[in-house]
Protein backbone atom coordinates (compact mmCIF):
# COMPACT_ATOMS: atom_id res chain seq x y z
CA MET A 1 83.56 93.97 130.93
CA LEU A 2 86.29 96.35 130.48
CA SER A 3 86.13 99.33 132.78
CA LYS A 4 85.88 102.73 131.89
CA ASN A 5 89.13 103.70 132.63
CA LEU A 6 90.73 100.66 130.97
CA LEU A 7 88.67 101.69 127.59
CA LYS A 8 90.30 105.32 127.92
CA THR A 9 93.89 103.92 128.02
CA LEU A 10 93.13 101.21 124.79
CA GLY A 11 94.46 102.38 121.74
CA PRO A 12 98.44 102.51 121.14
CA GLY A 13 98.61 98.61 121.50
CA ILE A 14 95.96 98.08 118.78
CA LEU A 15 97.71 100.72 116.49
CA PHE A 16 101.02 98.96 117.04
CA ALA A 17 99.52 95.68 116.32
CA SER A 18 97.87 97.56 113.06
CA THR A 19 101.52 98.44 111.97
CA CYS A 20 102.77 94.79 112.71
CA ILE A 21 100.29 93.01 110.81
CA GLY A 22 100.98 95.02 107.45
CA VAL A 23 104.11 93.87 105.78
CA SER A 24 105.49 91.37 108.12
CA HIS A 25 102.53 89.36 108.25
CA LEU A 26 100.51 89.48 104.92
CA VAL A 27 103.87 89.50 103.09
CA GLN A 28 106.66 88.19 105.18
CA SER A 29 104.87 85.09 106.80
CA THR A 30 103.09 84.44 103.75
CA ARG A 31 106.00 84.09 102.34
CA ALA A 32 107.69 82.05 105.09
CA GLY A 33 104.76 79.53 105.06
CA ALA A 34 104.88 79.11 101.04
CA ASN A 35 108.42 78.50 100.77
CA TYR A 36 109.40 76.93 104.00
CA GLY A 37 106.30 75.10 105.45
CA PHE A 38 106.22 75.29 109.13
CA SER A 39 109.79 75.11 109.56
CA LEU A 40 110.05 78.72 110.32
CA VAL A 41 107.58 79.03 112.90
CA ILE A 42 109.81 78.42 115.58
CA ILE A 43 111.99 81.20 114.06
CA ILE A 44 109.11 83.63 114.00
CA LEU A 45 108.30 82.44 117.86
CA LEU A 46 111.69 83.17 118.84
CA ALA A 47 111.72 86.84 117.27
CA ASN A 48 108.52 87.65 118.92
CA LEU A 49 109.73 86.48 121.97
CA PHE A 50 113.24 87.71 122.52
CA LYS A 51 111.94 91.25 121.04
CA TYR A 52 109.15 91.56 123.33
CA PRO A 53 110.88 93.27 126.47
CA PHE A 54 112.18 95.74 124.49
CA PHE A 55 108.79 96.88 122.68
CA GLU A 56 107.32 96.48 126.18
CA TYR A 57 109.67 98.94 127.36
CA GLY A 58 108.63 101.98 124.97
CA SER A 59 105.18 101.79 126.73
CA ARG A 60 106.56 101.20 130.54
CA TYR A 61 108.90 104.07 130.08
CA ALA A 62 106.33 106.26 129.19
CA ASN A 63 103.90 105.61 131.75
CA ALA A 64 106.26 105.98 134.39
CA THR A 65 107.82 109.43 133.13
CA GLY A 66 104.92 110.96 131.10
CA THR A 67 107.28 111.40 128.19
CA SER A 68 108.32 109.35 125.16
CA ILE A 69 111.22 106.86 125.43
CA ILE A 70 113.10 109.08 122.47
CA ASP A 71 113.30 111.70 125.42
CA GLY A 72 115.01 108.95 127.47
CA TYR A 73 117.74 108.45 124.76
CA ARG A 74 119.08 111.99 125.41
CA LYS A 75 119.22 111.23 128.95
CA LEU A 76 121.71 108.17 128.37
CA GLY A 77 124.04 110.88 126.65
CA LYS A 78 124.07 112.85 123.50
CA TRP A 79 125.62 109.73 121.98
CA ALA A 80 122.47 107.76 122.20
CA ILE A 81 119.70 110.52 120.98
CA ASN A 82 122.48 111.03 118.15
CA LEU A 83 122.62 107.35 117.22
CA TYR A 84 118.90 107.09 117.08
CA ALA A 85 118.62 109.98 115.17
CA LEU A 86 121.02 108.30 112.40
CA ILE A 87 119.09 104.85 112.63
CA THR A 88 116.02 106.65 112.10
CA LEU A 89 117.58 108.50 109.08
CA GLY A 90 118.85 105.21 107.70
CA THR A 91 115.46 103.28 107.76
CA MET A 92 112.39 106.03 107.73
CA PHE A 93 112.57 106.19 103.85
CA PHE A 94 113.19 102.89 103.05
CA VAL A 95 110.93 101.36 105.74
CA THR A 96 107.93 103.69 104.30
CA ALA A 97 108.80 103.13 100.74
CA ALA A 98 108.21 98.97 101.34
CA VAL A 99 104.95 99.56 103.13
CA VAL A 100 103.52 101.98 100.21
CA VAL A 101 104.50 99.82 97.84
CA VAL A 102 102.77 96.73 99.49
CA THR A 103 99.63 98.91 100.25
CA SER A 104 99.62 100.16 96.53
CA GLY A 105 99.59 96.51 95.32
CA PHE A 106 96.41 95.80 97.92
CA MET A 107 94.87 99.30 96.63
CA ASN A 108 95.16 98.63 93.07
CA ASN A 109 94.04 94.87 93.31
CA LEU A 110 90.89 96.29 94.90
CA PHE A 111 89.75 99.37 92.83
CA GLY A 112 91.66 98.49 89.63
CA ILE A 113 93.48 101.75 89.43
CA SER A 114 96.38 100.94 87.17
CA GLU A 115 94.41 99.18 84.77
CA LEU A 116 91.76 102.11 84.43
CA PHE A 117 94.83 104.54 83.64
CA ILE A 118 96.29 101.52 81.22
CA SER A 119 92.79 101.32 79.08
CA LEU A 120 93.13 105.16 79.24
CA GLN A 121 96.66 105.17 77.90
CA PHE A 122 97.89 107.36 80.76
CA PRO A 123 101.93 107.90 80.91
CA TYR A 124 103.14 105.89 83.60
CA PRO A 125 99.87 104.29 84.98
CA ASN A 126 101.73 102.16 87.63
CA LEU A 127 102.37 105.37 89.67
CA ILE A 128 98.78 106.76 90.39
CA THR A 129 98.23 104.37 92.97
CA PRO A 130 100.87 105.33 95.10
CA ILE A 131 100.86 109.04 94.53
CA LEU A 132 97.05 108.90 95.50
CA LEU A 133 97.78 106.77 98.36
CA LEU A 134 100.50 109.07 99.75
CA THR A 135 97.97 111.81 98.83
CA VAL A 136 95.27 110.49 101.02
CA CYS A 137 97.39 109.63 104.18
CA PHE A 138 98.97 113.18 104.10
CA GLY A 139 95.71 114.74 104.05
CA ILE A 140 94.40 112.48 106.91
CA LEU A 141 97.32 112.99 108.94
CA ALA A 142 97.90 116.80 108.01
CA ALA A 143 94.60 117.10 109.78
CA GLY A 144 96.42 116.52 113.03
CA LYS A 145 93.57 114.02 114.50
CA TYR A 146 95.32 111.08 116.27
CA ASN A 147 91.43 109.85 117.12
CA VAL A 148 90.88 109.61 113.52
CA LEU A 149 93.97 106.90 113.23
CA ASP A 150 92.84 105.49 116.07
CA SER A 151 89.38 104.87 115.49
CA LEU A 152 89.66 103.84 111.82
CA VAL A 153 92.44 101.17 113.10
CA LYS A 154 90.23 99.59 115.57
CA VAL A 155 87.50 98.85 113.05
CA ILE A 156 89.56 97.49 110.15
CA GLY A 157 92.06 95.58 112.41
CA GLY A 158 88.90 93.81 114.10
CA VAL A 159 87.19 92.93 110.48
CA LEU A 160 90.72 91.38 109.36
CA LEU A 161 91.25 89.61 112.71
CA ILE A 162 87.72 87.87 112.52
CA SER A 163 88.29 86.90 108.65
CA THR A 164 92.09 85.46 109.19
CA LEU A 165 90.87 83.24 112.27
CA ILE A 166 87.70 81.59 110.13
CA ALA A 167 90.25 81.33 106.85
CA PHE A 168 93.00 79.79 109.18
CA THR A 169 90.51 77.40 110.95
CA LEU A 170 89.01 76.58 107.84
CA SER A 171 92.51 76.10 106.22
CA VAL A 172 93.71 73.68 109.13
CA LEU A 173 90.36 71.79 109.00
CA LYS A 174 91.46 71.00 105.22
CA GLY A 175 94.57 70.46 105.79
CA GLY A 176 97.69 71.37 103.61
CA LEU A 177 97.95 70.19 99.56
CA PRO A 178 100.11 67.39 98.77
CA PRO A 179 103.76 68.08 97.54
CA VAL A 180 104.03 67.96 93.63
CA LYS A 181 106.23 65.08 92.26
CA GLY A 182 109.84 65.70 92.84
CA PHE A 183 109.13 68.34 95.44
CA VAL A 184 112.38 68.80 97.88
CA ALA A 185 111.82 70.52 101.19
CA PRO A 186 114.39 73.57 101.68
CA ASP A 187 117.06 72.97 104.29
CA TRP A 188 116.71 76.15 105.90
CA LEU A 189 119.70 75.41 108.23
CA ASP A 190 122.09 75.52 105.20
CA PHE A 191 123.01 78.98 105.36
CA SER A 192 125.85 78.41 102.67
CA TYR A 193 123.43 77.55 100.00
CA ASN A 194 123.15 80.18 97.29
CA ASN A 195 125.32 82.50 98.89
CA GLY A 196 123.01 82.71 102.26
CA ILE A 197 119.79 83.07 100.34
CA HIS A 198 118.17 81.04 103.59
CA LEU A 199 120.01 83.36 106.13
CA GLY A 200 119.11 86.20 104.34
CA PHE A 201 115.37 85.63 104.53
CA ILE A 202 115.72 84.57 107.61
CA VAL A 203 116.93 87.78 108.73
CA ALA A 204 114.47 89.86 106.95
CA LEU A 205 111.75 87.73 108.16
CA MET A 206 112.75 88.35 111.73
CA GLY A 207 113.68 92.19 110.73
CA TRP A 208 109.74 93.24 110.73
CA MET A 209 108.65 90.31 113.23
CA PRO A 210 106.51 91.41 114.91
CA THR A 211 107.74 94.84 113.43
CA ALA A 212 111.10 96.83 113.55
CA LEU A 213 112.54 97.26 116.79
CA ASP A 214 113.39 100.80 116.50
CA LEU A 215 109.19 101.27 116.16
CA SER A 216 109.41 100.61 119.77
CA ALA A 217 109.91 104.48 120.42
CA TRP A 218 105.98 104.92 118.60
CA ASN A 219 104.94 102.98 121.51
CA SER A 220 105.83 105.72 124.03
CA LEU A 221 104.57 108.58 121.71
CA TRP A 222 100.84 106.76 121.09
CA THR A 223 100.87 106.34 124.47
CA VAL A 224 101.45 110.14 125.31
CA ALA A 225 99.25 111.05 122.84
CA ARG A 226 96.28 108.73 124.53
CA ILE A 227 96.88 110.06 127.60
CA LYS A 228 96.86 113.77 126.10
CA GLN A 229 93.53 112.98 124.16
CA THR A 230 91.61 111.36 127.02
CA GLY A 231 93.06 113.37 129.84
CA TYR A 232 93.75 110.30 131.97
CA LYS A 233 96.95 109.06 133.15
CA PRO A 234 96.48 104.97 133.08
CA LYS A 235 98.28 102.95 135.80
CA LEU A 236 101.00 100.72 134.63
CA LYS A 237 98.80 97.17 134.44
CA GLU A 238 96.60 99.39 132.09
CA THR A 239 99.19 100.71 129.76
CA LEU A 240 100.85 96.92 129.67
CA PHE A 241 97.28 95.34 129.24
CA ASP A 242 96.69 97.43 126.23
CA PHE A 243 100.41 96.97 124.54
CA ASN A 244 100.36 92.80 125.47
CA PHE A 245 96.63 92.52 123.99
CA GLY A 246 98.04 94.00 120.62
CA TYR A 247 101.10 92.18 121.06
CA ILE A 248 99.74 88.61 121.48
CA VAL A 249 97.12 89.54 118.53
CA SER A 250 100.17 90.33 116.43
CA VAL A 251 101.64 86.95 117.16
CA ILE A 252 98.67 84.90 116.50
CA LEU A 253 98.26 86.38 113.27
CA ALA A 254 101.48 85.69 112.18
CA ILE A 255 101.16 82.20 112.87
CA CYS A 256 97.68 82.70 111.18
CA PHE A 257 99.34 83.59 107.62
CA VAL A 258 101.97 81.31 108.00
CA THR A 259 99.40 78.34 108.25
CA LEU A 260 97.58 79.77 105.17
CA GLY A 261 100.81 80.11 102.99
CA ALA A 262 101.89 76.57 104.20
CA ASN A 263 98.19 74.80 103.56
CA LEU A 264 97.54 76.35 100.32
CA MET A 265 100.90 77.10 98.79
CA TYR A 266 103.96 74.80 100.43
CA GLY A 267 105.14 72.04 98.14
CA SER A 268 102.56 73.11 94.96
CA GLY A 269 105.21 73.95 92.80
CA GLU A 270 103.38 77.61 92.76
CA THR A 271 105.59 80.46 93.75
CA LEU A 272 104.49 84.00 95.14
CA PRO A 273 104.28 86.63 92.19
CA SER A 274 107.21 89.61 92.36
CA SER A 275 104.53 92.31 91.45
CA SER A 276 102.73 93.88 94.73
CA ALA A 277 99.60 93.74 92.83
CA ALA A 278 99.67 90.16 92.16
CA PHE A 279 100.93 89.36 95.35
CA SER A 280 98.13 90.90 97.28
CA ALA A 281 95.45 89.18 94.74
CA LYS A 282 97.46 85.77 95.65
CA VAL A 283 96.84 86.89 99.49
CA VAL A 284 93.09 87.70 98.77
CA GLN A 285 92.87 84.11 96.85
CA MET A 286 93.94 82.03 99.72
CA TYR A 287 91.02 83.28 101.63
CA THR A 288 88.75 82.64 98.91
CA THR A 289 90.15 78.84 98.67
CA THR A 290 89.50 78.39 102.14
CA MET A 291 86.12 80.36 102.98
CA GLY A 292 84.75 80.58 99.19
CA ASP A 293 84.36 83.21 96.08
CA TRP A 294 81.90 84.91 98.44
CA SER A 295 84.36 85.83 100.96
CA LYS A 296 86.59 88.40 98.60
CA TRP A 297 84.22 90.93 98.91
CA ILE A 298 85.09 90.79 102.68
CA ILE A 299 88.94 89.83 102.58
CA GLY A 300 89.63 92.43 99.73
CA PRO A 301 88.55 95.52 101.57
CA ALA A 302 89.81 94.45 104.85
CA ALA A 303 93.46 93.46 103.72
CA PHE A 304 93.77 96.97 101.81
CA SER A 305 92.39 98.14 104.98
CA ILE A 306 94.94 96.86 107.53
CA MET A 307 97.51 97.90 105.33
CA PHE A 308 96.12 101.59 104.53
CA GLY A 309 95.94 101.58 108.62
CA THR A 310 99.64 100.57 108.47
CA ALA A 311 100.89 103.16 106.04
CA ILE A 312 99.16 105.67 107.97
CA ALA A 313 100.67 104.44 111.18
CA VAL A 314 104.03 104.23 110.03
CA ILE A 315 104.13 107.72 108.21
CA ASP A 316 102.37 109.08 111.26
CA GLY A 317 104.97 107.47 113.40
CA TYR A 318 108.01 108.32 111.66
CA ALA A 319 106.92 111.78 111.42
CA ARG A 320 105.94 112.16 115.41
CA SER A 321 109.58 110.61 116.32
CA SER A 322 111.38 112.70 113.82
CA GLU A 323 109.67 115.68 115.22
CA ARG A 324 110.45 114.92 118.77
CA THR A 325 114.25 113.81 117.68
CA LEU A 326 115.09 117.33 116.17
CA GLU A 327 113.38 119.17 119.09
CA ILE A 328 115.75 117.31 121.39
CA LEU A 329 118.95 117.62 119.23
CA PHE A 330 118.34 121.34 117.95
CA VAL A 331 115.74 123.22 120.32
CA GLU A 332 116.67 121.73 123.73
CA LYS A 333 114.88 123.45 126.51
CA LYS A 334 113.39 126.34 124.40
CA LYS A 335 109.61 126.03 124.32
CA VAL A 336 108.07 125.00 121.07
CA ASP A 337 104.69 126.67 120.12
CA LEU A 338 102.01 124.58 118.77
CA GLU A 339 101.86 126.21 115.68
CA ASN A 340 105.59 125.46 114.88
CA ARG A 341 105.19 122.06 115.66
CA LYS A 342 102.19 121.77 113.37
CA ARG A 343 104.37 123.09 110.63
CA GLU A 344 107.28 120.58 111.70
CA TYR A 345 104.73 117.73 111.55
CA ILE A 346 103.65 118.54 108.21
CA SER A 347 106.74 119.44 106.54
CA THR A 348 108.34 116.02 107.66
CA ILE A 349 105.23 114.07 106.56
CA LEU A 350 105.68 115.52 103.32
CA THR A 351 109.33 114.87 102.89
CA LEU A 352 108.75 111.37 103.91
CA SER A 353 106.09 110.71 101.27
CA ILE A 354 108.26 112.54 98.42
CA VAL A 355 111.24 110.45 99.64
CA SER A 356 109.34 107.11 100.13
CA PHE A 357 107.33 107.58 96.47
CA ILE A 358 111.06 108.25 94.84
CA ILE A 359 112.47 105.09 96.51
CA GLY A 360 109.82 102.96 95.45
CA TYR A 361 109.82 104.16 91.87
CA LEU A 362 113.87 103.69 91.62
CA PHE A 363 113.50 99.82 93.35
CA VAL A 364 110.08 98.66 91.92
CA TYR A 365 108.17 101.06 89.58
CA ASN A 366 111.19 101.75 86.97
CA LYS A 367 111.98 98.21 85.61
CA SER A 368 115.44 99.21 84.12
CA VAL A 369 116.70 101.08 86.96
CA SER A 370 115.43 98.92 89.94
CA MET A 371 117.30 95.95 88.02
CA LYS A 372 120.39 97.68 87.85
CA ILE A 373 120.27 98.86 91.43
CA SER A 374 119.48 94.90 92.86
CA ILE A 375 122.08 93.36 90.57
CA PHE A 376 124.62 95.54 92.14
CA LEU A 377 123.23 95.24 95.46
CA ASN A 378 123.15 91.28 94.82
CA GLU A 379 126.89 91.27 93.49
CA LEU A 380 128.06 93.41 96.77
CA PHE A 381 126.21 91.45 99.56
CA GLY A 382 125.47 88.24 97.94
CA ASN A 383 122.00 86.54 96.74
CA SER A 384 119.51 87.25 99.65
CA THR A 385 116.34 86.97 97.46
CA GLU A 386 114.25 83.86 96.82
CA GLY A 387 115.24 81.79 93.58
CA ASN A 388 116.90 84.07 91.28
CA THR A 389 114.54 86.79 91.08
CA ILE A 390 116.10 90.01 91.97
CA ASN A 391 113.37 92.41 90.93
CA GLY A 392 110.21 93.51 92.60
CA PHE A 393 108.95 94.63 95.53
CA LYS A 394 109.89 91.72 97.89
CA PHE A 395 113.48 92.68 96.88
CA LEU A 396 112.82 96.24 98.30
CA VAL A 397 110.50 94.44 101.56
CA ASP A 398 114.03 92.50 102.05
CA ILE A 399 116.14 95.16 101.92
CA ALA A 400 114.31 97.32 104.59
CA THR A 401 113.61 94.46 106.87
CA THR A 402 117.22 93.45 107.06
CA ILE A 403 118.32 96.93 108.05
CA SER A 404 115.92 96.95 110.63
CA PHE A 405 117.05 93.98 111.87
CA ILE A 406 120.58 94.73 111.75
CA VAL A 407 120.37 97.82 113.60
CA ALA A 408 117.75 95.95 116.34
CA PRO A 409 120.71 95.08 119.13
CA VAL A 410 121.36 98.78 119.48
CA ILE A 411 117.76 99.79 120.12
CA ALA A 412 117.37 96.47 122.68
CA ILE A 413 120.28 97.66 124.58
CA MET A 414 119.03 101.24 124.75
CA ASN A 415 115.71 100.49 125.55
CA PHE A 416 117.05 97.84 128.28
CA SER A 417 119.11 100.81 129.93
CA LEU A 418 116.60 103.28 130.09
CA VAL A 419 114.11 101.17 132.55
CA GLN A 420 116.62 100.65 135.21
CA GLU A 421 115.41 102.28 138.68
CA LYS A 422 117.50 105.46 137.98
CA TYR A 423 115.24 106.58 134.99
CA VAL A 424 112.13 105.10 135.87
CA GLY A 425 111.99 104.63 139.37
CA LYS A 426 111.53 101.45 141.79
CA GLU A 427 107.86 100.45 140.95
CA PHE A 428 108.20 100.78 137.23
CA VAL A 429 111.74 98.33 136.88
CA PRO A 430 110.83 95.28 134.91
CA PRO A 431 109.93 91.93 137.21
CA LYS A 432 113.26 89.44 137.36
CA TRP A 433 112.18 87.25 134.50
CA GLU A 434 111.74 90.25 132.06
CA ILE A 435 115.14 91.31 132.78
CA ILE A 436 116.43 87.54 132.16
CA LEU A 437 114.82 87.53 128.84
CA SER A 438 116.22 91.01 127.95
CA TYR A 439 119.60 89.82 128.61
CA ALA A 440 118.95 86.59 126.24
CA GLY A 441 117.30 88.85 123.98
CA ILE A 442 120.26 90.95 123.24
CA ILE A 443 122.33 87.89 122.82
CA PHE A 444 119.98 86.32 120.20
CA LEU A 445 119.63 89.59 118.24
CA SER A 446 123.44 90.25 118.35
CA GLY A 447 124.25 86.70 117.56
CA PHE A 448 121.95 86.34 114.47
CA THR A 449 123.29 90.12 113.30
CA ILE A 450 127.10 89.08 113.59
CA LEU A 451 125.87 85.71 111.71
CA PHE A 452 124.60 87.40 109.06
CA LEU A 453 127.12 89.75 108.43
CA VAL A 454 129.91 86.93 108.59
CA PHE A 455 128.07 85.26 105.94
CA LYS A 456 127.57 88.15 103.60
CA PHE A 457 130.97 89.65 103.86
CA PHE A 458 133.15 86.95 104.69
């Protein structure tokens, strides 16, 4: 039985898990299983292991200081907050665009919005779903209610968690499909193959496994928001319990989605669709294959709901982090009144929505422009997409996740620096095992980043 104080603490960790479960699990983990079977499970586990301390430090720092880790970056020096601002600016629009495109696919699969407007001969019917999605997200967040987001995620996350565990169990009991004649298992360790196609996907997979490392700042922002919402200052162990619960759930679900992809698609001769709507339909089909057709009435809404929660969490997280970063950079010690902060927040989510929609349009919804962009980037960086398909939402997802992985070592070093005794006090310093894991994680993330850049450019 959870204590009342612990119940007051729960929220940020579940919100974090919701952010993780979105694209990295429904899309990337499923692709990993479908294309590589179980061979990339070790990569997923290593990414979760070596990223763990740096995500945890966001919650630890917020509990120790009562402020977000973004405020801590300023303590490291102006170079650190400037660098974080640059990283945020360089990733936020691509990350949000990728999440919106994927969520729109699940939304369209559930409600058939595009098909409706196609039948009405409406111009640009594929744009209606992302516009509607962003409008709804903007409306919810403009209301300024953290507790709406918190409560929403807890409900839909629970539905998808239970459904996925059931589908996973049934999939394991049934076993995998026999490979088609002539099937050759891909050698994912052959990084030279097709201009590093395997390495490109591995880096993209780890980029958001469990999610982008620069999103660790959101843990601290949500922890601070939860404290303000409940009026309760939790103990460190309570804050870490909340975070660890969300983190463990996200790891378990990642393995579940890999298993579903591996057992239902690997070696079957099928390929995952490049259209976000068709891809989402394939994900729902994986559940119905194991659980029965009746389950689509649960899985369809649950899958869309968790992606919808992810979309709201991503837009909210970037708005909060951008708002706080700008205040530190340009307002400094001046007092910011609530009215101005509200206006800044709304203007940020509006700008983020518009720019991310434009990126989604250019990379996905406008086929001629997206093909030109993907060919250009393919020639510049080498083919890092699966097969010869360089058009579609998976290309945008790979770009966003790859960028996130490349900046991860920098965020890891800054977060690790901020949990030293001089910043958080002796009682909040991480235990020795976590400090050792931090050094190993920095080496792991830096090593893979260097390996990827060497293969791509040299």
